[in-house]
Amino acid sequence: MRLFKHLFAPSAQRMFPAHSLQRIAAAIARSEATHTGEICFAVEASLSLSAVLAGRDARERAVEAFAQLRVWDTRANNGVLIYLLLADHRIEIVADRGFDGLVDADQWRGVCHLIEEHLRAGEPEAAVLGGVEAICALLGAHFPRGEGDHDINELPDLPHILS
């Protein structure tokens, strides 16, 4: 059944057209003006047939994307990836080690539930925007931007559609 879902997964480009990706990028940029963290959003329609047959799951792929997109490569180790795997209806948040001891699993699950609610309602853009806003609040609480902090954008704000 999972193989079937991955073969016939919805299109990430249809779910997140260019204008939607631009609005998400703008929200990430506005968010990052209030804290020193970095937010990255990536969406993938499905995994390869070999990955599905090997039993790879969304979490494994999210961690791989976290490394591939270099979300781990920030000065303060405070990058966060929101990853959606459409075929499995999975949302994964991968946060860098700078969050250890600051944000617990329940808080990350709360962000995922917020995203899930909007996705179930058929509002993918609102789902991601809500997730960005919730993560912004966590970043602002733990990594606020001070007066002397330079506005260095360490990661691109434009979302990634992975294949």
C-alpha atoms as a PDB file:
ATOM      1  CA  MET A   1       0.000   0.000   0.000  1.00  0.00           C
ATOM      2  CA  ARG A   2       2.830   2.420   0.851  1.00  0.00           C
ATOM      3  CA  LEU A   3       4.458   1.757  -2.512  1.00  0.00           C
ATOM      4  CA  PHE A   4       1.186   2.658  -4.235  1.00  0.00           C
ATOM      5  CA  LYS A   5       1.012   5.945  -2.264  1.00  0.00           C
ATOM      6  CA  HIS A   6       4.517   6.868  -3.384  1.00  0.00           C
ATOM      7  CA  LEU A   7       3.851   5.984  -7.005  1.00  0.00           C
ATOM      8  CA  PHE A   8       0.760   8.201  -7.095  1.00  0.00           C
ATOM      9  CA  ALA A   9       1.711  10.958  -4.650  1.00  0.00           C
ATOM     10  CA  PRO A  10       0.283  14.435  -5.130  1.00  0.00           C
ATOM     11  CA  SER A  11       2.496  16.942  -6.912  1.00  0.00           C
ATOM     12  CA  ALA A  12       4.502  19.180  -4.616  1.00  0.00           C
ATOM     13  CA  GLN A  13       4.551  21.864  -7.327  1.00  0.00           C
ATOM     14  CA  ARG A  14       0.753  21.827  -7.566  1.00  0.00           C
ATOM     15  CA  MET A  15       0.352  21.938  -3.803  1.00  0.00           C
ATOM     16  CA  PHE A  16       2.956  24.718  -3.489  1.00  0.00           C
ATOM     17  CA  PRO A  17       2.947  26.816  -6.684  1.00  0.00           C
ATOM     18  CA  ALA A  18       5.584  29.515  -7.211  1.00  0.00           C
ATOM     19  CA  HIS A  19       3.504  32.324  -5.687  1.00  0.00           C
ATOM     20  CA  SER A  20       2.941  30.222  -2.565  1.00  0.00           C
ATOM     21  CA  LEU A  21       6.656  29.456  -2.262  1.00  0.00           C
ATOM     22  CA  GLN A  22       7.400  33.180  -2.535  1.00  0.00           C
ATOM     23  CA  ARG A  23       4.977  33.992   0.302  1.00  0.00           C
ATOM     24  CA  ILE A  24       6.545  31.275   2.469  1.00  0.00           C
ATOM     25  CA  ALA A  25      10.023  32.657   1.704  1.00  0.00           C
ATOM     26  CA  ALA A  26       8.855  36.152   2.678  1.00  0.00           C
ATOM     27  CA  ALA A  27       7.431  34.820   5.966  1.00  0.00           C
ATOM     28  CA  ILE A  28      10.719  33.066   6.733  1.00  0.00           C
ATOM     29  CA  ALA A  29      12.644  36.286   6.007  1.00  0.00           C
ATOM     30  CA  ARG A  30      10.325  38.340   8.266  1.00  0.00           C
ATOM     31  CA  SER A  31      10.683  35.718  10.981  1.00  0.00           C
ATOM     32  CA  GLU A  32      14.461  35.698  10.809  1.00  0.00           C
ATOM     33  CA  ALA A  33      14.541  39.454  11.344  1.00  0.00           C
ATOM     34  CA  THR A  34      13.364  38.798  14.926  1.00  0.00           C
ATOM     35  CA  HIS A  35      15.822  36.066  15.976  1.00  0.00           C
ATOM     36  CA  THR A  36      19.241  34.681  15.077  1.00  0.00           C
ATOM     37  CA  GLY A  37      17.993  31.238  13.992  1.00  0.00           C
ATOM     38  CA  GLU A  38      17.506  29.902  10.500  1.00  0.00           C
ATOM     39  CA  ILE A  39      14.315  28.253   9.215  1.00  0.00           C
ATOM     40  CA  CYS A  40      14.264  26.037   6.161  1.00  0.00           C
ATOM     41  CA  PHE A  41      11.214  24.448   4.529  1.00  0.00           C
ATOM     42  CA  ALA A  42      11.424  21.433   2.206  1.00  0.00           C
ATOM     43  CA  VAL A  43       8.654  19.397   0.624  1.00  0.00           C
ATOM     44  CA  GLU A  44       8.914  16.119  -1.230  1.00  0.00           C
ATOM     45  CA  ALA A  45       6.120  14.358  -3.058  1.00  0.00           C
ATOM     46  CA  SER A  46       7.475  10.846  -2.616  1.00  0.00           C
ATOM     47  CA  LEU A  47      10.524   8.724  -1.994  1.00  0.00           C
ATOM     48  CA  SER A  48      12.201   6.671  -4.687  1.00  0.00           C
ATOM     49  CA  LEU A  49      10.969   3.137  -5.236  1.00  0.00           C
ATOM     50  CA  SER A  50      14.204   1.747  -3.838  1.00  0.00           C
ATOM     51  CA  ALA A  51      13.881   3.881  -0.692  1.00  0.00           C
ATOM     52  CA  VAL A  52      10.300   2.717  -0.139  1.00  0.00           C
ATOM     53  CA  LEU A  53      11.249  -0.937  -0.703  1.00  0.00           C
ATOM     54  CA  ALA A  54      14.177  -0.523   1.708  1.00  0.00           C
ATOM     55  CA  GLY A  55      11.743   0.715   4.356  1.00  0.00           C
ATOM     56  CA  ARG A  56      13.119   4.259   4.630  1.00  0.00           C
ATOM     57  CA  ASP A  57      10.780   6.550   6.503  1.00  0.00           C
ATOM     58  CA  ALA A  58      10.080  10.271   6.558  1.00  0.00           C
ATOM     59  CA  ARG A  59      12.288  10.879   9.600  1.00  0.00           C
ATOM     60  CA  GLU A  60      15.314   9.316   7.941  1.00  0.00           C
ATOM     61  CA  ARG A  61      14.719  11.354   4.802  1.00  0.00           C
ATOM     62  CA  ALA A  62      14.228  14.553   6.816  1.00  0.00           C
ATOM     63  CA  VAL A  63      17.557  14.044   8.585  1.00  0.00           C
ATOM     64  CA  GLU A  64      19.181  13.417   5.206  1.00  0.00           C
ATOM     65  CA  ALA A  65      17.606  16.601   3.793  1.00  0.00           C
ATOM     66  CA  PHE A  66      18.747  18.511   6.907  1.00  0.00           C
ATOM     67  CA  ALA A  67      22.330  17.577   6.015  1.00  0.00           C
ATOM     68  CA  GLN A  68      21.891  17.962   2.244  1.00  0.00           C
ATOM     69  CA  LEU A  69      20.464  21.481   2.621  1.00  0.00           C
ATOM     70  CA  ARG A  70      23.184  22.316   5.187  1.00  0.00           C
ATOM     71  CA  VAL A  71      20.666  23.408   7.819  1.00  0.00           C
ATOM     72  CA  TRP A  72      23.194  22.171  10.410  1.00  0.00           C
ATOM     73  CA  ASP A  73      25.784  24.645   9.132  1.00  0.00           C
ATOM     74  CA  THR A  74      24.859  27.781  11.076  1.00  0.00           C
ATOM     75  CA  ARG A  75      27.134  29.692  13.458  1.00  0.00           C
ATOM     76  CA  ALA A  76      24.895  29.163  16.503  1.00  0.00           C
ATOM     77  CA  ASN A  77      23.758  25.637  15.546  1.00  0.00           C
ATOM     78  CA  ASN A  78      20.169  26.869  15.560  1.00  0.00           C
ATOM     79  CA  GLY A  79      18.829  25.876  12.185  1.00  0.00           C
ATOM     80  CA  VAL A  80      15.414  24.203  11.898  1.00  0.00           C
ATOM     81  CA  LEU A  81      14.035  22.196   8.985  1.00  0.00           C
ATOM     82  CA  ILE A  82      10.309  21.737   8.387  1.00  0.00           C
ATOM     83  CA  TYR A  83      10.031  18.717   6.096  1.00  0.00           C
ATOM     84  CA  LEU A  84       6.845  17.435   4.456  1.00  0.00           C
ATOM     85  CA  LEU A  85       6.624  14.031   2.761  1.00  0.00           C
ATOM     86  CA  LEU A  86       3.337  14.188   0.890  1.00  0.00           C
ATOM     87  CA  ALA A  87       2.990  10.483   0.014  1.00  0.00           C
ATOM     88  CA  ASP A  88       3.187   9.446   3.672  1.00  0.00           C
ATOM     89  CA  HIS A  89       1.309  12.487   5.012  1.00  0.00           C
ATOM     90  CA  ARG A  90       4.259  13.091   7.349  1.00  0.00           C
ATOM     91  CA  ILE A  91       5.655  16.261   8.854  1.00  0.00           C
ATOM     92  CA  GLU A  92       9.091  16.155  10.399  1.00  0.00           C
ATOM     93  CA  ILE A  93      10.947  18.898  12.192  1.00  0.00           C
ATOM     94  CA  VAL A  94      14.688  18.531  12.504  1.00  0.00           C
ATOM     95  CA  ALA A  95      16.407  21.018  14.780  1.00  0.00           C
ATOM     96  CA  ASP A  96      20.128  21.516  15.213  1.00  0.00           C
ATOM     97  CA  ARG A  97      21.963  20.763  18.442  1.00  0.00           C
ATOM     98  CA  GLY A  98      21.679  24.368  19.640  1.00  0.00           C
ATOM     99  CA  PHE A  99      18.117  23.493  20.699  1.00  0.00           C
ATOM    100  CA  ASP A 100      19.190  20.634  22.988  1.00  0.00           C
ATOM    101  CA  GLY A 101      17.713  21.247  26.419  1.00  0.00           C
ATOM    102  CA  LEU A 102      15.800  24.317  25.224  1.00  0.00           C
ATOM    103  CA  VAL A 103      12.890  22.942  23.213  1.00  0.00           C
ATOM    104  CA  ASP A 104      11.360  19.599  24.133  1.00  0.00           C
ATOM    105  CA  ALA A 105       9.685  16.984  21.952  1.00  0.00           C
ATOM    106  CA  ASP A 106       6.193  18.099  23.010  1.00  0.00           C
ATOM    107  CA  GLN A 107       6.852  21.614  21.743  1.00  0.00           C
ATOM    108  CA  TRP A 108       8.021  20.310  18.364  1.00  0.00           C
ATOM    109  CA  ARG A 109       4.994  17.975  18.233  1.00  0.00           C
ATOM    110  CA  GLY A 110       2.777  21.004  18.886  1.00  0.00           C
ATOM    111  CA  VAL A 111       4.203  22.698  15.803  1.00  0.00           C
ATOM    112  CA  CYS A 112       3.596  19.518  13.771  1.00  0.00           C
ATOM    113  CA  HIS A 113      -0.023  19.323  14.985  1.00  0.00           C
ATOM    114  CA  LEU A 114      -0.608  22.928  13.955  1.00  0.00           C
ATOM    115  CA  ILE A 115       0.718  22.159  10.480  1.00  0.00           C
ATOM    116  CA  GLU A 116      -1.360  18.945  10.288  1.00  0.00           C
ATOM    117  CA  GLU A 117      -4.589  20.787  11.110  1.00  0.00           C
ATOM    118  CA  HIS A 118      -4.162  23.172   8.182  1.00  0.00           C
ATOM    119  CA  LEU A 119      -3.111  20.380   5.830  1.00  0.00           C
ATOM    120  CA  ARG A 120      -6.223  18.379   6.717  1.00  0.00           C
ATOM    121  CA  ALA A 121      -8.299  21.477   5.972  1.00  0.00           C
ATOM    122  CA  GLY A 122      -6.709  21.651   2.505  1.00  0.00           C
ATOM    123  CA  GLU A 123      -4.620  24.727   3.294  1.00  0.00           C
ATOM    124  CA  PRO A 124      -0.997  23.771   2.566  1.00  0.00           C
ATOM    125  CA  GLU A 125       0.348  27.315   2.396  1.00  0.00           C
ATOM    126  CA  ALA A 126      -1.387  28.294   5.647  1.00  0.00           C
ATOM    127  CA  ALA A 127       0.012  25.102   7.199  1.00  0.00           C
ATOM    128  CA  VAL A 128       3.592  26.061   6.462  1.00  0.00           C
ATOM    129  CA  LEU A 129       3.055  29.710   7.375  1.00  0.00           C
ATOM    130  CA  GLY A 130       1.612  28.618  10.733  1.00  0.00           C
ATOM    131  CA  GLY A 131       4.582  26.321  11.277  1.00  0.00           C
ATOM    132  CA  VAL A 132       7.028  29.114  10.471  1.00  0.00           C
ATOM    133  CA  GLU A 133       5.220  31.411  12.902  1.00  0.00           C
ATOM    134  CA  ALA A 134       5.279  28.809  15.694  1.00  0.00           C
ATOM    135  CA  ILE A 135       8.967  28.085  15.150  1.00  0.00           C
ATOM    136  CA  CYS A 136       9.646  31.824  15.058  1.00  0.00           C
ATOM    137  CA  ALA A 137       8.155  32.094  18.548  1.00  0.00           C
ATOM    138  CA  LEU A 138      10.459  29.313  19.800  1.00  0.00           C
ATOM    139  CA  LEU A 139      13.493  30.872  18.139  1.00  0.00           C
ATOM    140  CA  GLY A 140      12.607  34.301  19.468  1.00  0.00           C
ATOM    141  CA  ALA A 141      12.375  32.928  23.009  1.00  0.00           C
ATOM    142  CA  HIS A 142      15.735  31.160  22.866  1.00  0.00           C
ATOM    143  CA  PHE A 143      17.722  33.038  20.219  1.00  0.00           C
ATOM    144  CA  PRO A 144      16.405  36.623  20.175  1.00  0.00           C
ATOM    145  CA  ARG A 145      18.073  39.136  17.898  1.00  0.00           C
ATOM    146  CA  GLY A 146      19.905  41.769  19.911  1.00  0.00           C
ATOM    147  CA  GLU A 147      20.738  45.319  18.893  1.00  0.00           C
ATOM    148  CA  GLY A 148      24.297  44.385  17.969  1.00  0.00           C
ATOM    149  CA  ASP A 149      23.363  41.291  15.992  1.00  0.00           C
ATOM    150  CA  HIS A 150      23.995  41.629  12.284  1.00  0.00           C
ATOM    151  CA  ASP A 151      21.283  40.414   9.950  1.00  0.00           C
ATOM    152  CA  ILE A 152      23.181  37.563   8.300  1.00  0.00           C
ATOM    153  CA  ASN A 153      21.009  35.200   6.321  1.00  0.00           C
ATOM    154  CA  GLU A 154      22.954  31.948   6.512  1.00  0.00           C
ATOM    155  CA  LEU A 155      20.453  29.826   4.562  1.00  0.00           C
ATOM    156  CA  PRO A 156      18.224  30.615   1.598  1.00  0.00           C
ATOM    157  CA  ASP A 157      14.678  31.527   2.578  1.00  0.00           C
ATOM    158  CA  LEU A 158      13.105  30.095  -0.575  1.00  0.00           C
ATOM    159  CA  PRO A 159      11.543  26.682   0.096  1.00  0.00           C
ATOM    160  CA  HIS A 160      12.985  23.560  -1.475  1.00  0.00           C
ATOM    161  CA  ILE A 161      10.963  21.124  -3.553  1.00  0.00           C
ATOM    162  CA  LEU A 162      12.944  17.910  -3.371  1.00  0.00           C
ATOM    163  CA  SER A 163      12.671  15.050  -5.811  1.00  0.00           C
END
